[in-house]
N, C-alpha and C. Protein backbone atom coordinates (compact mmCIF):
# COMPACT_ATOMS: atom_id res chain seq x y z
N UNK A 1 194.06 97.27 56.61
CA UNK A 1 193.78 96.32 55.76
C UNK A 1 193.17 95.41 56.46
N UNK A 2 191.16 95.57 56.45
CA UNK A 2 190.68 94.35 56.61
C UNK A 2 190.93 92.60 57.17
N UNK A 3 190.51 92.37 57.98
CA UNK A 3 190.22 90.71 58.01
C UNK A 3 189.32 90.43 58.32
N UNK A 4 188.77 89.72 57.54
CA UNK A 4 187.32 88.96 57.95
C UNK A 4 187.19 88.22 58.96
N UNK A 5 185.87 88.14 59.58
CA UNK A 5 186.15 87.94 61.16
C UNK A 5 185.03 86.04 61.19
N UNK A 6 185.42 85.29 61.32
CA UNK A 6 184.81 84.17 61.79
C UNK A 6 183.44 83.86 62.98
N UNK A 7 183.00 84.09 62.87
CA UNK A 7 182.11 83.52 64.12
C UNK A 7 181.83 82.14 64.60
N UNK A 8 181.99 81.40 65.92
CA UNK A 8 181.94 80.23 66.47
C UNK A 8 180.23 79.87 66.55
N UNK A 9 179.60 79.68 65.89
CA UNK A 9 178.03 79.01 66.53
C UNK A 9 177.56 79.04 67.76
N UNK A 10 178.21 78.78 68.70
CA UNK A 10 178.69 78.55 70.76
C UNK A 10 178.75 79.79 70.73
N UNK A 11 178.88 80.72 69.99
CA UNK A 11 178.61 82.39 70.54
C UNK A 11 177.90 83.06 70.07
N UNK A 12 177.01 82.39 69.93
CA UNK A 12 175.48 82.53 68.94
C UNK A 12 174.50 82.14 69.51
N UNK A 13 173.18 83.41 70.22
CA UNK A 13 171.93 82.93 71.26
C UNK A 13 171.80 83.34 71.13
N UNK A 14 169.72 82.20 70.67
CA UNK A 14 168.23 83.04 70.67
C UNK A 14 168.06 83.72 71.92
N UNK A 15 167.75 85.46 72.21
CA UNK A 15 167.05 85.48 73.65
C UNK A 15 166.40 85.82 72.99
N UNK A 16 166.00 86.00 73.95
CA UNK A 16 163.88 86.83 74.74
C UNK A 16 163.85 87.64 75.54
N UNK A 17 162.55 87.98 75.34
CA UNK A 17 162.05 89.29 76.14
C UNK A 17 160.62 87.75 76.64
N UNK A 18 161.42 89.24 78.01
CA UNK A 18 160.34 88.11 78.95
C UNK A 18 158.79 89.54 79.27
N UNK A 19 158.52 89.33 79.98
CA UNK A 19 157.09 90.51 80.21
C UNK A 19 156.67 91.47 80.86
N UNK A 20 158.26 91.77 81.70
CA UNK A 20 159.25 92.93 81.48
C UNK A 20 159.88 93.58 81.08
N UNK A 21 159.96 92.65 80.10
CA UNK A 21 160.79 93.56 78.63
C UNK A 21 162.16 93.82 79.18
N UNK A 22 162.55 92.26 80.32
CA UNK A 22 163.75 92.37 80.07
C UNK A 22 164.67 91.45 79.58
N UNK A 23 165.72 91.29 78.78
CA UNK A 23 165.74 90.19 77.69
C UNK A 23 166.66 89.88 78.14
N UNK A 24 166.97 88.08 77.65
CA UNK A 24 167.38 87.47 78.27
C UNK A 24 167.54 85.87 78.05
N UNK A 25 168.73 85.22 77.86
CA UNK A 25 168.90 84.06 77.05
C UNK A 25 168.55 83.00 77.51
N UNK A 26 168.19 82.45 76.25
CA UNK A 26 167.57 81.04 76.56
C UNK A 26 168.46 79.85 76.91
N UNK A 27 167.77 79.06 78.45
CA UNK A 27 169.07 78.68 78.91
C UNK A 27 169.02 76.98 78.15
N UNK A 28 170.00 76.42 78.10
CA UNK A 28 170.24 74.79 77.89
C UNK A 28 170.85 74.86 76.29
N UNK A 29 170.54 75.66 75.71
CA UNK A 29 169.94 75.69 74.31
C UNK A 29 171.38 75.34 73.56
N UNK A 30 171.26 75.13 72.61
CA UNK A 30 172.46 73.08 71.71
C UNK A 30 172.46 73.87 70.46
N UNK A 31 171.61 74.11 69.33
CA UNK A 31 171.51 75.03 68.31
C UNK A 31 170.69 75.91 67.86
N UNK A 32 170.64 76.95 67.09
CA UNK A 32 169.47 77.64 66.76
C UNK A 32 169.85 77.83 65.11
N UNK A 33 168.28 77.75 64.19
CA UNK A 33 169.07 78.44 63.03
C UNK A 33 167.58 78.76 62.75
N UNK A 34 168.25 80.30 62.29
CA UNK A 34 167.07 81.51 61.86
C UNK A 34 167.37 81.11 60.23
N UNK A 35 166.36 80.80 60.34
CA UNK A 35 165.20 80.42 58.34
C UNK A 35 164.58 81.26 57.85
N UNK A 36 164.48 82.04 57.03
CA UNK A 36 164.46 83.06 56.39
C UNK A 36 163.76 82.78 54.77
N UNK A 37 163.41 82.85 54.12
CA UNK A 37 162.52 82.95 52.87
C UNK A 37 161.52 83.78 52.12
N UNK A 38 161.87 83.18 50.48
CA UNK A 38 161.08 84.49 50.26
C UNK A 38 159.67 83.33 49.22
N UNK A 39 158.76 84.25 49.28
CA UNK A 39 158.14 83.27 47.82
C UNK A 39 158.23 84.33 46.44
N UNK A 40 157.88 82.86 44.96
CA UNK A 40 158.05 82.77 44.83
C UNK A 40 156.54 83.83 44.19
N UNK A 41 157.24 84.96 42.70
CA UNK A 41 155.41 84.86 42.24
C UNK A 41 155.91 84.80 40.46
N UNK A 42 155.14 84.07 39.96
CA UNK A 42 155.11 82.88 38.23
C UNK A 42 155.27 84.21 37.27
N UNK A 43 155.53 84.91 36.82
CA UNK A 43 155.78 86.21 35.93
C UNK A 43 156.19 85.71 34.72
N UNK A 44 155.60 84.02 33.98
CA UNK A 44 156.24 83.66 32.93
C UNK A 44 155.39 84.08 32.07
N UNK A 45 155.08 84.12 30.55
CA UNK A 45 154.74 84.66 29.80
C UNK A 45 154.69 84.65 28.57
N UNK A 46 154.24 84.27 27.38
CA UNK A 46 154.43 84.22 26.09
C UNK A 46 156.22 83.98 26.05
N UNK A 47 156.62 85.23 25.98
CA UNK A 47 157.79 85.69 25.57
C UNK A 47 158.86 85.53 26.06
N UNK A 48 158.76 84.11 26.72
CA UNK A 48 159.64 84.24 27.89
C UNK A 48 160.85 83.30 27.49
N UNK A 49 160.52 82.71 26.52
CA UNK A 49 161.15 82.28 25.16
C UNK A 49 160.82 80.30 25.77
N UNK A 50 159.73 79.61 26.26
CA UNK A 50 160.01 78.47 26.81
C UNK A 50 160.34 78.64 28.18
N UNK A 51 160.44 79.05 28.55
CA UNK A 51 161.43 79.18 29.91
C UNK A 51 159.97 80.21 30.98
N UNK A 52 160.36 79.17 31.77
CA UNK A 52 159.11 79.58 33.89
C UNK A 52 160.16 81.41 33.60
N UNK A 53 159.42 81.97 34.49
CA UNK A 53 160.10 83.08 35.00
C UNK A 53 159.72 83.37 36.30
N UNK A 54 160.30 84.14 36.83
CA UNK A 54 159.54 84.04 38.28
C UNK A 54 159.95 85.64 39.21
N UNK A 55 159.01 86.27 40.25
CA UNK A 55 160.54 87.39 40.93
C UNK A 55 159.76 86.98 42.64
N UNK A 56 160.68 87.21 44.02
CA UNK A 56 160.32 87.26 44.39
C UNK A 56 158.92 88.19 45.22
N UNK A 57 158.32 87.18 45.96
CA UNK A 57 157.08 87.28 46.59
C UNK A 57 157.41 88.16 47.77
N UNK A 58 156.37 88.22 48.62
CA UNK A 58 156.59 87.72 50.07
C UNK A 58 157.66 87.63 51.03
N UNK A 59 157.72 88.30 51.93
CA UNK A 59 159.38 86.96 52.76
C UNK A 59 158.57 87.05 53.79
N UNK A 60 159.19 85.76 54.53
CA UNK A 60 159.10 85.15 55.59
C UNK A 60 160.50 84.77 56.85
N UNK A 61 160.16 84.49 58.12
CA UNK A 61 160.65 83.79 58.37
C UNK A 61 160.95 83.79 60.35
N UNK A 62 160.90 82.81 60.37
CA UNK A 62 160.69 81.63 61.64
C UNK A 62 162.67 81.01 61.87
N UNK A 63 162.54 80.94 63.28
CA UNK A 63 163.05 80.24 64.36
C UNK A 63 163.28 79.55 64.79
N UNK A 64 164.17 77.68 65.15
CA UNK A 64 164.36 76.66 65.50
C UNK A 64 165.87 76.46 66.21
N UNK A 65 164.86 76.60 66.95
CA UNK A 65 165.63 76.09 68.56
C UNK A 65 165.66 74.75 69.41
N UNK A 66 167.14 74.06 69.89
CA UNK A 66 166.76 73.08 71.06
C UNK A 66 167.95 73.27 71.72
N UNK A 67 167.86 72.46 72.93
CA UNK A 67 168.73 72.75 74.16
C UNK A 67 167.81 71.71 75.15
N UNK A 68 169.05 71.22 76.50
CA UNK A 68 167.85 70.82 77.51
C UNK A 68 167.33 71.65 78.27
N UNK A 69 166.22 70.72 78.38
CA UNK A 69 165.79 71.68 79.95
C UNK A 69 166.57 72.23 81.11
N UNK A 70 166.52 73.17 81.61
CA UNK A 70 166.96 73.32 83.12
C UNK A 70 165.87 73.91 83.83
N UNK A 71 165.31 73.10 84.09
CA UNK A 71 165.08 73.70 85.44
C UNK A 71 164.47 74.83 86.77
N UNK A 72 163.69 75.62 86.57
CA UNK A 72 163.71 76.90 87.09
C UNK A 72 164.81 78.11 85.97
N UNK A 73 165.15 77.74 84.93
CA UNK A 73 165.53 78.67 83.92
C UNK A 73 164.58 79.78 84.36
N UNK A 74 164.25 80.60 84.02
CA UNK A 74 163.72 82.33 83.81
C UNK A 74 163.11 81.98 82.49
N UNK A 75 163.75 81.74 81.68
CA UNK A 75 163.42 82.15 80.00
C UNK A 75 162.92 80.76 79.63
N UNK A 76 163.09 80.23 80.07
CA UNK A 76 162.51 78.70 79.62
C UNK A 76 161.49 78.56 80.11
N UNK A 77 160.48 79.19 81.60
CA UNK A 77 159.24 79.17 82.09
C UNK A 77 159.08 80.59 81.41
N UNK A 78 159.17 81.54 80.14
CA UNK A 78 158.89 82.32 79.48
C UNK A 78 158.48 81.94 78.67
N UNK A 79 158.71 80.87 77.74
CA UNK A 79 158.76 80.91 76.22
C UNK A 79 157.82 79.72 76.90
N UNK A 80 157.63 78.58 78.12
CA UNK A 80 156.60 77.63 78.19
C UNK A 80 154.58 78.01 78.72
N UNK A 81 155.16 80.25 78.77
CA UNK A 81 153.98 80.87 79.30
C UNK A 81 153.71 81.38 77.74
N UNK A 82 154.56 82.16 77.14
CA UNK A 82 153.93 82.73 75.95
C UNK A 82 153.12 81.12 74.89
N UNK A 83 153.93 80.55 74.96
CA UNK A 83 153.28 79.51 74.43
C UNK A 83 151.29 79.02 74.46
N UNK A 84 151.02 78.30 76.33
CA UNK A 84 150.53 78.31 76.57
C UNK A 84 149.03 79.28 76.55
N UNK A 85 149.57 80.78 76.42
CA UNK A 85 148.67 81.77 76.68
C UNK A 85 148.39 81.80 75.16
N UNK A 86 149.24 80.99 73.50
CA UNK A 86 148.83 81.75 72.21
C UNK A 86 149.31 84.03 72.11
N UNK A 87 150.64 83.97 72.98
CA UNK A 87 150.97 85.33 72.33
C UNK A 87 152.33 85.01 72.25
N UNK A 88 152.41 86.46 71.04
CA UNK A 88 153.79 86.43 69.81
C UNK A 88 155.34 87.28 71.32
N UNK A 89 155.93 86.43 70.81
CA UNK A 89 157.34 86.21 71.69
C UNK A 89 158.07 87.20 71.39
N UNK A 90 158.64 88.08 71.86
CA UNK A 90 159.71 88.91 70.88
C UNK A 90 161.56 88.55 70.60
N UNK A 91 162.27 88.53 69.78
CA UNK A 91 163.30 87.67 70.34
C UNK A 91 164.37 88.22 69.64
N UNK A 92 165.16 87.67 69.57
CA UNK A 92 167.08 88.71 68.79
C UNK A 92 167.93 87.26 68.51
N UNK A 93 168.44 87.51 67.84
CA UNK A 93 169.81 86.75 67.23
C UNK A 93 171.02 87.60 67.59
N UNK A 94 171.86 87.77 68.68
CA UNK A 94 173.52 88.93 67.42
C UNK A 94 173.94 88.45 67.61
N UNK A 95 175.29 88.42 65.91
CA UNK A 95 175.64 87.56 65.32
C UNK A 95 176.85 88.21 65.84
N UNK A 96 178.22 87.58 66.65
CA UNK A 96 179.34 88.34 66.76
C UNK A 96 179.02 89.63 67.90
N UNK A 97 180.51 89.50 68.84
CA UNK A 97 180.23 90.35 70.25
C UNK A 97 179.38 91.61 70.38
N UNK A 98 178.58 91.22 71.02
CA UNK A 98 178.17 93.37 71.48
C UNK A 98 179.14 94.55 70.90
N UNK A 99 180.33 94.07 71.08
CA UNK A 99 181.07 95.45 70.78
C UNK A 99 181.48 95.25 69.43
N UNK A 100 182.02 94.42 68.99
CA UNK A 100 181.58 94.35 67.22
C UNK A 100 181.41 95.20 66.27
N UNK A 101 181.72 95.77 65.83
CA UNK A 101 181.10 97.38 64.82
C UNK A 101 180.73 96.11 63.27
N UNK A 102 180.94 95.46 62.97
CA UNK A 102 181.18 94.44 61.57
C UNK A 102 179.52 92.83 62.54
N UNK A 103 178.80 93.57 63.77
CA UNK A 103 178.32 92.28 64.38
C UNK A 103 177.04 92.54 64.03
N UNK A 104 175.48 91.67 63.97
CA UNK A 104 174.78 92.41 63.74
C UNK A 104 173.40 91.72 64.29
N UNK A 105 172.70 92.24 64.92
CA UNK A 105 172.30 92.04 65.89
C UNK A 105 170.74 91.45 64.58
N UNK A 106 169.59 90.66 64.53
CA UNK A 106 168.28 89.72 64.11
C UNK A 106 167.54 90.42 64.68
N UNK A 107 166.26 90.57 64.23
CA UNK A 107 165.26 90.96 66.30
C UNK A 107 163.58 90.80 65.09
N UNK A 108 162.23 90.37 65.68
CA UNK A 108 161.23 89.84 65.43
C UNK A 108 160.48 89.25 66.47
N UNK A 109 159.47 88.84 66.31
CA UNK A 109 158.38 89.13 66.56
C UNK A 109 157.95 88.09 65.96
N UNK A 110 157.18 86.88 66.94
CA UNK A 110 157.06 85.79 66.69
C UNK A 110 156.07 84.57 67.45
N UNK A 111 155.51 83.81 67.83
CA UNK A 111 154.12 82.82 67.50
C UNK A 111 154.99 81.44 68.12
N UNK A 112 155.21 81.19 68.90
CA UNK A 112 156.27 79.33 69.30
C UNK A 112 155.24 78.70 68.46
N UNK A 113 154.57 78.07 67.33
CA UNK A 113 154.27 77.01 66.81
C UNK A 113 154.36 75.57 67.57
N UNK A 114 155.79 75.01 67.55
CA UNK A 114 156.04 74.24 68.06
C UNK A 114 156.54 73.87 69.42
N UNK A 115 156.91 73.49 70.27
CA UNK A 115 157.43 73.19 71.65
C UNK A 115 157.28 71.68 71.76
N UNK A 116 157.75 70.99 71.73
CA UNK A 116 158.10 68.95 72.16
C UNK A 116 159.16 69.03 72.92
N UNK A 117 158.64 68.45 73.63
CA UNK A 117 159.73 67.96 75.05
C UNK A 117 160.25 66.18 75.06
N UNK A 118 161.64 66.05 74.79
CA UNK A 118 161.81 64.76 74.29
C UNK A 118 162.06 64.08 76.14
N UNK A 119 162.08 63.13 76.40
CA UNK A 119 162.24 62.14 77.17
C UNK A 119 162.89 60.75 77.35
N UNK A 120 163.99 60.64 76.69
CA UNK A 120 164.91 59.74 76.20
C UNK A 120 165.36 58.62 77.70
N UNK A 121 164.54 57.53 77.59
CA UNK A 121 165.35 56.57 78.48
C UNK A 121 166.64 56.66 79.24
N UNK A 122 167.50 56.88 78.89
CA UNK A 122 169.11 56.74 78.17
C UNK A 122 169.42 58.32 77.32
N UNK A 123 168.90 59.26 78.56
CA UNK A 123 168.92 60.85 77.83
C UNK A 123 168.80 62.01 78.67
N UNK A 124 169.57 63.72 78.51
CA UNK A 124 169.48 64.65 78.65
C UNK A 124 167.98 64.36 78.26
N UNK A 125 166.66 65.33 79.57
CA UNK A 125 164.99 65.90 78.66
C UNK A 125 165.75 66.71 77.95
N UNK A 126 165.38 67.25 76.54
CA UNK A 126 165.48 68.19 75.43
C UNK A 126 164.61 69.10 75.00
N UNK A 127 164.33 69.61 74.90
CA UNK A 127 163.37 70.55 74.46
C UNK A 127 163.55 71.01 73.13
N UNK A 128 162.22 71.38 71.92
CA UNK A 128 162.76 72.53 70.37
C UNK A 128 161.67 73.01 70.51
N UNK A 129 162.06 74.21 69.65
CA UNK A 129 161.43 75.74 70.04
C UNK A 129 161.56 75.54 68.28
N UNK A 130 160.04 75.81 68.11
CA UNK A 130 160.30 76.13 66.91
C UNK A 130 159.05 78.08 66.46
N UNK A 131 159.62 78.96 65.98
CA UNK A 131 159.30 79.82 66.53
C UNK A 131 158.81 80.48 64.92
N UNK A 132 157.50 81.05 64.39
CA UNK A 132 156.80 81.04 63.50
C UNK A 132 156.77 82.87 62.83
N UNK A 133 157.53 84.08 62.46
CA UNK A 133 157.97 85.06 62.34
C UNK A 133 156.43 85.98 61.53
N UNK A 134 156.41 86.61 62.45
CA UNK A 134 155.06 88.12 63.11
C UNK A 134 154.59 88.86 62.88
N UNK A 135 156.05 89.25 62.50
CA UNK A 135 156.29 90.97 62.23
C UNK A 135 157.57 90.49 61.04
N UNK A 136 157.94 91.31 60.77
CA UNK A 136 158.66 91.56 59.91
C UNK A 136 160.36 91.49 60.81
N UNK A 137 161.48 91.23 60.12
CA UNK A 137 162.26 90.75 60.91
C UNK A 137 163.60 91.68 60.54
N UNK A 138 164.11 92.39 61.64
CA UNK A 138 165.00 94.10 61.62
C UNK A 138 166.63 92.90 61.84
N UNK A 139 167.38 93.53 60.25
CA UNK A 139 168.41 93.32 61.30
C UNK A 139 169.29 95.40 60.91
N UNK A 140 170.44 94.22 62.30
CA UNK A 140 170.80 95.54 62.58
C UNK A 140 172.24 96.37 62.35
N UNK A 141 173.15 96.53 61.37
CA UNK A 141 174.61 96.15 61.65
C UNK A 141 175.09 97.38 62.91
N UNK A 142 176.25 96.83 64.35
CA UNK A 142 177.31 97.92 64.26
C UNK A 142 177.54 97.10 66.28
N UNK A 143 177.37 98.15 67.25
CA UNK A 143 177.56 96.72 68.17
C UNK A 143 176.08 97.49 68.68
N UNK A 144 176.60 97.07 69.79
CA UNK A 144 174.51 97.16 70.36
C UNK A 144 173.81 98.29 71.09
């Protein structure tokens, strides 16, 4: 009997690839969301019984992540560089341990479209990161 495994969000990290093709965890992360959506195409005709009908069209994806700014973190410096130079960044998100045969890795490249910093008077310095997909999002199941 196969036992379903639940995954704790704390164990899922956004990783980015730097200019040397090294994959690194983005330091200071507290939250990360992989957004996936499909546009709809209106297929309504006179035979649809007065109801609108539709079908899935183009797919898109984005990633939102936030965390604490960690000075000296090489991966944070990489996202600053890629944003300032308007370069696409490669990323991956692994759900499940690297040795988990049921684990899934999502990967793709996108542009950093939002990178605010927050400097609250009585709070730690934080960042928020939004990446808009520029390539297809791939999903690979199995061991990394």
